[in-house]
């Protein structure tokens, strides 16, 4: 159910050069702990405010509204071709630990609340393929006492799942990824990308993985390929595939977070990879805790970025040259 407009402080735009051919990074407004942006063809941008347990809507005029509260600690969002909003509802206090879909009449359908009778850890991010299959990640950050999904040896699973149109749920990736976070599909649907961000140990994975996807939605685990490694710096969080086919991944810190995460090489920003996995450039963001991004806007080339209690936007040039790499 939609709620009335709430007061929001609009700040003067902070302009940060990203590239000579792009527009400039623009601060759209301050909200709270922003995540999971999703564009709707009506010109509305939806995103989550995890701190205040709500889903927000930015209308075409730039005003912010509360779309749903409480949200079940919603994180990742995505619309299907019918305009229905799918959400990963996370864990922790107020979290529902499930995948939901908001129907066109506003009712909420629960697509999956458990796997084989065990509650999910904390559904984080999701993506839909052309057949309506849903892939979602299920990591656990923070307290791990109430984790329920384990393998045959009793080892806890932070996995990737697929929900088919018939409602069946399949665990498609288990220990191949340490802690899956952001997720995306290539434009042709033949590759699944997974952000692996184990940030509570100095030696945890901060990697971007690629898997081949079969025609039936299956994942070829033997095809696993590492596309990038952020080392001991802050790893990849969210991502999206742009209209140019490139992969836009949020990662990095401007300041270290000891003892587990450094900021030696990869600063906070959006890392742009070609379909061939070449790092083309980085788009710096002047704040830590950059979380996710998506494309939208009138021409589909506006990159919306959630980072540090703020929502940002940037118009991306139609063609992106191979240029900027992180400072060594």
Protein backbone atom coordinates (compact mmCIF):
# COMPACT_ATOMS: atom_id res chain seq x y z
CA UNK A 1 0.00 0.00 0.00
CA UNK A 2 1.36 3.39 -0.92
CA UNK A 3 1.83 6.00 1.78
CA UNK A 4 1.77 9.82 1.81
CA UNK A 5 4.76 11.91 0.84
CA UNK A 6 7.29 12.36 3.63
CA UNK A 7 9.58 15.32 4.19
CA UNK A 8 13.02 14.95 2.66
CA UNK A 9 15.95 17.31 2.66
CA UNK A 10 17.05 18.15 -0.86
CA UNK A 11 20.65 19.27 -1.03
CA UNK A 12 22.50 21.34 -3.57
CA UNK A 13 23.91 19.03 -6.21
CA UNK A 14 27.46 17.86 -5.58
CA UNK A 15 29.25 17.65 -8.90
CA UNK A 16 32.10 15.19 -9.34
CA UNK A 17 33.75 14.67 -12.72
CA UNK A 18 33.35 11.11 -13.93
CA UNK A 19 34.54 11.33 -17.55
CA UNK A 20 34.76 14.05 -20.16
CA UNK A 21 32.03 12.46 -22.28
CA UNK A 22 29.63 11.87 -19.40
CA UNK A 23 27.45 14.34 -17.61
CA UNK A 24 28.37 14.95 -13.96
CA UNK A 25 27.54 12.91 -10.91
CA UNK A 26 24.54 14.50 -9.25
CA UNK A 27 23.28 14.16 -5.71
CA UNK A 28 19.51 13.58 -5.95
CA UNK A 29 18.81 13.70 -2.21
CA UNK A 30 19.57 12.37 1.23
CA UNK A 31 17.37 9.61 2.68
CA UNK A 32 19.02 6.95 4.89
CA UNK A 33 20.77 3.65 4.17
CA UNK A 34 19.92 3.36 0.48
CA UNK A 35 20.01 0.11 -1.52
CA UNK A 36 18.39 -1.82 -4.36
CA UNK A 37 17.45 0.81 -6.99
CA UNK A 38 14.93 -0.31 -9.65
CA UNK A 39 13.61 1.77 -12.57
CA UNK A 40 9.97 1.70 -13.69
CA UNK A 41 8.99 2.83 -17.23
CA UNK A 42 6.56 5.35 -15.71
CA UNK A 43 9.60 7.45 -14.78
CA UNK A 44 9.60 6.43 -11.13
CA UNK A 45 12.71 5.10 -9.43
CA UNK A 46 12.21 2.73 -6.51
CA UNK A 47 14.88 1.96 -3.93
CA UNK A 48 15.13 0.63 -0.40
CA UNK A 49 15.88 2.38 2.86
CA UNK A 50 17.11 -0.50 4.99
CA UNK A 51 17.76 1.62 8.07
CA UNK A 52 14.12 2.71 8.28
CA UNK A 53 12.62 -0.52 6.89
CA UNK A 54 10.85 0.94 3.88
CA UNK A 55 10.76 1.08 0.10
CA UNK A 56 11.00 4.56 -1.39
CA UNK A 57 9.82 6.03 -4.69
CA UNK A 58 11.36 8.98 -6.50
CA UNK A 59 8.77 10.42 -8.87
CA UNK A 60 9.54 12.01 -12.27
CA UNK A 61 9.68 15.47 -10.69
CA UNK A 62 12.38 14.34 -8.25
CA UNK A 63 10.22 14.20 -5.11
CA UNK A 64 10.57 11.28 -2.72
CA UNK A 65 7.66 9.23 -1.38
CA UNK A 66 7.31 6.23 0.92
CA UNK A 67 6.01 3.35 -1.20
CA UNK A 68 5.86 0.63 1.43
CA UNK A 69 6.56 0.48 5.15
CA UNK A 70 7.45 -1.75 6.85
CA UNK A 71 9.18 -3.46 3.98
CA UNK A 72 10.39 -6.60 5.76
CA UNK A 73 13.90 -5.09 5.54
CA UNK A 74 13.76 -5.12 1.75
CA UNK A 75 17.07 -4.88 -0.06
CA UNK A 76 17.31 -5.75 -3.77
CA UNK A 77 14.39 -4.79 -6.05
CA UNK A 78 13.49 -5.56 -9.65
CA UNK A 79 10.44 -5.11 -11.89
CA UNK A 80 9.16 -7.77 -14.26
CA UNK A 81 7.77 -7.11 -17.73
CA UNK A 82 4.27 -6.70 -16.26
CA UNK A 83 5.42 -3.92 -13.94
CA UNK A 84 5.28 -5.97 -10.74
CA UNK A 85 7.90 -5.23 -8.11
CA UNK A 86 9.94 -8.17 -6.79
CA UNK A 87 11.86 -7.74 -3.55
CA UNK A 88 14.43 -9.53 -1.45
CA UNK A 89 13.26 -9.11 2.13
CA UNK A 90 16.27 -9.53 4.39
CA UNK A 91 17.10 -10.68 7.89
CA UNK A 92 17.71 -9.02 11.23
CA UNK A 93 15.17 -7.17 13.33
CA UNK A 94 12.07 -6.53 11.23
CA UNK A 95 13.28 -8.75 8.41
CA UNK A 96 10.98 -11.32 6.80
CA UNK A 97 13.70 -13.44 5.11
CA UNK A 98 11.70 -14.10 1.95
CA UNK A 99 11.13 -13.18 -1.72
CA UNK A 100 7.96 -11.24 -2.51
CA UNK A 101 6.15 -9.70 -5.45
CA UNK A 102 3.93 -6.65 -5.20
CA UNK A 103 1.01 -7.18 -7.58
CA UNK A 104 -0.48 -4.41 -9.70
CA UNK A 105 -3.34 -4.02 -7.23
CA UNK A 106 -0.87 -3.52 -4.36
CA UNK A 107 -1.24 -6.91 -2.73
CA UNK A 108 1.93 -8.75 -1.77
CA UNK A 109 2.52 -12.33 -2.90
CA UNK A 110 5.12 -14.44 -1.10
CA UNK A 111 7.09 -16.30 -3.76
CA UNK A 112 9.36 -18.17 -1.35
CA UNK A 113 9.90 -17.94 2.40
CA UNK A 114 12.06 -21.03 2.92
CA UNK A 115 14.11 -23.72 1.21
CA UNK A 116 13.03 -27.26 2.06
CA UNK A 117 11.44 -26.00 5.26
CA UNK A 118 14.42 -23.93 6.42
CA UNK A 119 14.34 -20.14 6.51
CA UNK A 120 16.65 -18.19 4.26
CA UNK A 121 19.62 -16.33 5.75
CA UNK A 122 18.89 -12.84 4.47
CA UNK A 123 17.87 -12.55 0.80
CA UNK A 124 19.96 -9.73 -0.64
CA UNK A 125 19.67 -9.19 -4.39
CA UNK A 126 17.81 -10.66 -7.35
CA UNK A 127 17.50 -10.69 -11.12
CA UNK A 128 14.86 -12.02 -13.55
CA UNK A 129 15.56 -13.78 -16.82
CA UNK A 130 13.44 -13.60 -19.99
CA UNK A 131 11.45 -16.68 -18.98
CA UNK A 132 10.44 -15.22 -15.63
CA UNK A 133 12.92 -17.20 -13.56
CA UNK A 134 14.22 -15.42 -10.48
CA UNK A 135 17.81 -15.79 -9.31
CA UNK A 136 18.60 -14.42 -5.85
CA UNK A 137 21.48 -14.36 -3.38
CA UNK A 138 21.19 -15.33 0.27
CA UNK A 139 24.22 -14.23 2.31
CA UNK A 140 24.41 -13.62 6.03
CA UNK A 141 26.22 -10.56 7.34
CA UNK A 142 26.43 -10.06 11.09
CA UNK A 143 24.89 -12.45 13.62
CA UNK A 144 24.86 -16.04 12.30
CA UNK A 145 23.12 -17.74 15.24
CA UNK A 146 19.80 -18.34 13.48
CA UNK A 147 21.08 -19.67 10.14
CA UNK A 148 19.14 -22.80 9.16
CA UNK A 149 20.32 -23.94 5.71
CA UNK A 150 23.27 -26.33 5.75
CA UNK A 151 24.84 -28.97 3.52
CA UNK A 152 25.08 -32.71 4.21
CA UNK A 153 28.12 -32.15 6.46
CA UNK A 154 26.35 -29.45 8.46
CA UNK A 155 28.27 -26.54 6.91
CA UNK A 156 26.22 -23.37 6.63
CA UNK A 157 25.23 -22.40 3.10
CA UNK A 158 25.24 -18.85 1.78
CA UNK A 159 23.88 -19.70 -1.60
CA UNK A 160 22.28 -18.57 -4.84
CA UNK A 161 18.77 -19.83 -5.63
CA UNK A 162 16.46 -19.95 -8.63
CA UNK A 163 12.68 -19.71 -8.45
CA UNK A 164 11.00 -21.10 -11.58
CA UNK A 165 7.65 -19.84 -12.94
CA UNK A 166 5.95 -22.92 -11.47
CA UNK A 167 7.09 -21.82 -7.99
CA UNK A 168 9.73 -24.51 -7.49
CA UNK A 169 12.93 -23.40 -5.78
CA UNK A 170 16.40 -24.66 -6.67
CA UNK A 171 19.73 -24.15 -4.88
CA UNK A 172 22.03 -23.51 -7.84
CA UNK A 173 25.26 -22.25 -6.24
CA UNK A 174 26.56 -23.29 -2.81
CA UNK A 175 30.19 -23.19 -1.70
CA UNK A 176 31.52 -22.05 -5.09
CA UNK A 177 30.97 -18.52 -3.76
CA UNK A 178 31.88 -17.55 -0.19
CA UNK A 179 29.27 -14.85 0.37
CA UNK A 180 27.09 -13.92 -2.62
CA UNK A 181 25.75 -10.39 -2.73
CA UNK A 182 24.91 -8.60 -5.98
CA UNK A 183 23.68 -10.60 -8.97
CA UNK A 184 23.06 -9.89 -12.65
CA UNK A 185 22.53 -11.58 -16.01
CA UNK A 186 24.23 -10.73 -19.30
CA UNK A 187 22.01 -9.06 -21.91
CA UNK A 188 21.55 -12.34 -23.78
CA UNK A 189 20.96 -14.30 -20.57
CA UNK A 190 23.83 -16.73 -21.16
CA UNK A 191 25.97 -15.64 -18.20
CA UNK A 192 25.16 -15.14 -14.54
CA UNK A 193 27.35 -12.70 -12.61
CA UNK A 194 27.73 -12.94 -8.83
CA UNK A 195 29.43 -10.52 -6.44
CA UNK A 196 31.35 -12.40 -3.73
CA UNK A 197 31.92 -10.08 -0.77
CA UNK A 198 33.18 -11.76 2.41
CA UNK A 199 34.07 -8.62 4.35
CA UNK A 200 34.34 -9.81 7.95
CA UNK A 201 37.79 -11.39 7.60
CA UNK A 202 40.96 -9.88 6.10
CA UNK A 203 41.34 -12.85 3.73
CA UNK A 204 37.75 -13.28 2.58
CA UNK A 205 36.78 -13.20 -1.09
CA UNK A 206 36.22 -9.82 -2.72
CA UNK A 207 35.66 -11.22 -6.19
CA UNK A 208 33.38 -11.03 -9.21
CA UNK A 209 32.38 -14.38 -10.71
CA UNK A 210 30.80 -15.49 -13.98
CA UNK A 211 28.83 -18.70 -14.61
CA UNK A 212 27.33 -20.08 -17.81
CA UNK A 213 23.53 -20.40 -17.84
CA UNK A 214 21.76 -23.21 -19.67
CA UNK A 215 18.62 -22.83 -21.75
CA UNK A 216 16.59 -24.31 -18.88
CA UNK A 217 18.04 -21.87 -16.35
CA UNK A 218 20.60 -24.33 -14.97
CA UNK A 219 24.00 -23.09 -13.83
CA UNK A 220 27.14 -24.78 -15.14
CA UNK A 221 29.32 -24.77 -12.01
CA UNK A 222 32.32 -26.05 -13.96
CA UNK A 223 32.22 -22.88 -16.04
CA UNK A 224 32.95 -20.66 -13.02
CA UNK A 225 35.32 -17.87 -14.02
CA UNK A 226 36.84 -15.13 -11.89
CA UNK A 227 36.42 -11.77 -13.61
CA UNK A 228 38.02 -9.51 -11.02
CA UNK A 229 39.52 -9.51 -7.52
CA UNK A 230 39.51 -6.46 -5.23
CA UNK A 231 42.11 -8.10 -2.97
CA UNK A 232 41.84 -6.85 0.61
CA UNK A 233 39.94 -3.69 -0.33
CA UNK A 234 36.13 -3.51 -0.09
CA UNK A 235 34.68 -5.97 -2.57
CA UNK A 236 31.75 -5.84 -4.97
CA UNK A 237 28.29 -5.13 -3.58
CA UNK A 238 25.64 -4.50 -6.26
CA UNK A 239 25.71 -4.37 -10.04
CA UNK A 240 23.72 -3.93 -13.21
CA UNK A 241 24.20 -4.51 -16.93
CA UNK A 242 23.99 -1.27 -18.86
CA UNK A 243 22.35 -0.55 -22.23
CA UNK A 244 25.84 -0.79 -23.72
CA UNK A 245 26.17 -4.38 -22.50
CA UNK A 246 28.87 -3.45 -20.01
CA UNK A 247 28.72 -4.55 -16.38
CA UNK A 248 28.57 -1.78 -13.77
CA UNK A 249 29.72 -2.95 -10.32
CA UNK A 250 29.75 -0.94 -7.07
CA UNK A 251 32.79 -1.53 -4.84
CA UNK A 252 35.66 0.05 -2.94
CA UNK A 253 36.33 2.33 0.00
CA UNK A 254 37.87 5.80 0.10
CA UNK A 255 39.03 5.16 3.66
CA UNK A 256 40.07 1.82 5.20
CA UNK A 257 37.85 -0.11 7.61
CA UNK A 258 40.39 -1.98 9.76
CA UNK A 259 41.13 -4.69 10.52
CA UNK A 260 39.26 -6.42 7.70
CA UNK A 261 39.11 -4.03 4.75
CA UNK A 262 41.78 -1.78 3.27
CA UNK A 263 41.46 1.11 0.82
CA UNK A 264 44.88 0.83 -0.79
CA UNK A 265 44.03 0.48 -4.45
CA UNK A 266 40.32 0.37 -5.25
CA UNK A 267 38.44 3.47 -4.17
CA UNK A 268 34.67 3.82 -3.82
CA UNK A 269 33.02 3.90 -7.19
CA UNK A 270 31.35 2.06 -10.04
CA UNK A 271 33.68 -0.33 -11.85
CA UNK A 272 32.79 -0.78 -15.51
CA UNK A 273 33.64 -4.07 -17.23
CA UNK A 274 33.22 -5.01 -20.87
CA UNK A 275 31.33 -8.20 -21.81
CA UNK A 276 34.81 -9.70 -22.24
CA UNK A 277 35.55 -8.90 -18.57
CA UNK A 278 38.04 -6.11 -19.27
CA UNK A 279 37.98 -3.30 -16.70
CA UNK A 280 37.25 -0.28 -18.87
CA UNK A 281 37.09 2.48 -16.28
CA UNK A 282 35.93 3.52 -12.84
CA UNK A 283 33.37 6.15 -11.93
CA UNK A 284 34.43 7.62 -8.56
CA UNK A 285 31.81 8.32 -5.92
CA UNK A 286 32.86 10.72 -3.12
CA UNK A 287 31.48 8.65 -0.28
CA UNK A 288 31.97 5.20 1.22
CA UNK A 289 29.39 2.39 1.40
CA UNK A 290 28.42 2.54 -2.24
CA UNK A 291 25.85 -0.25 -2.44
CA UNK A 292 24.11 -0.69 -5.79
CA UNK A 293 23.14 0.83 -9.12
CA UNK A 294 20.69 0.57 -12.00
CA UNK A 295 19.93 2.27 -15.30
CA UNK A 296 16.85 4.32 -16.13
CA UNK A 297 15.86 7.79 -17.19
CA UNK A 298 14.13 9.04 -20.31
CA UNK A 299 16.72 7.55 -22.65
CA UNK A 300 17.70 4.62 -20.47
CA UNK A 301 21.28 5.87 -20.04
CA UNK A 302 21.02 7.47 -16.59
CA UNK A 303 22.91 5.50 -13.97
CA UNK A 304 21.29 5.71 -10.53
CA UNK A 305 23.62 4.89 -7.66
CA UNK A 306 22.78 4.23 -4.02
CA UNK A 307 25.62 5.15 -1.69
CA UNK A 308 26.10 6.44 1.84
CA UNK A 309 22.54 7.46 2.78
CA UNK A 310 22.20 9.17 -0.58
CA UNK A 311 20.85 8.66 -4.08
CA UNK A 312 23.03 9.79 -6.98
CA UNK A 313 22.58 9.91 -10.73
CA UNK A 314 24.86 10.18 -13.72
CA UNK A 315 24.12 10.29 -17.45
CA UNK A 316 26.44 7.84 -19.17
CA UNK A 317 27.76 8.65 -22.62
CA UNK A 318 26.51 6.28 -25.35
CA UNK A 319 30.00 4.90 -26.03
CA UNK A 320 32.58 4.32 -23.33
CA UNK A 321 36.25 4.37 -24.27
CA UNK A 322 38.82 2.09 -22.67
CA UNK A 323 40.51 4.56 -20.40
CA UNK A 324 40.46 4.97 -16.68
CA UNK A 325 41.78 2.32 -14.32
CA UNK A 326 42.11 2.47 -10.54
CA UNK A 327 45.12 4.31 -9.16
CA UNK A 328 47.94 1.85 -8.54
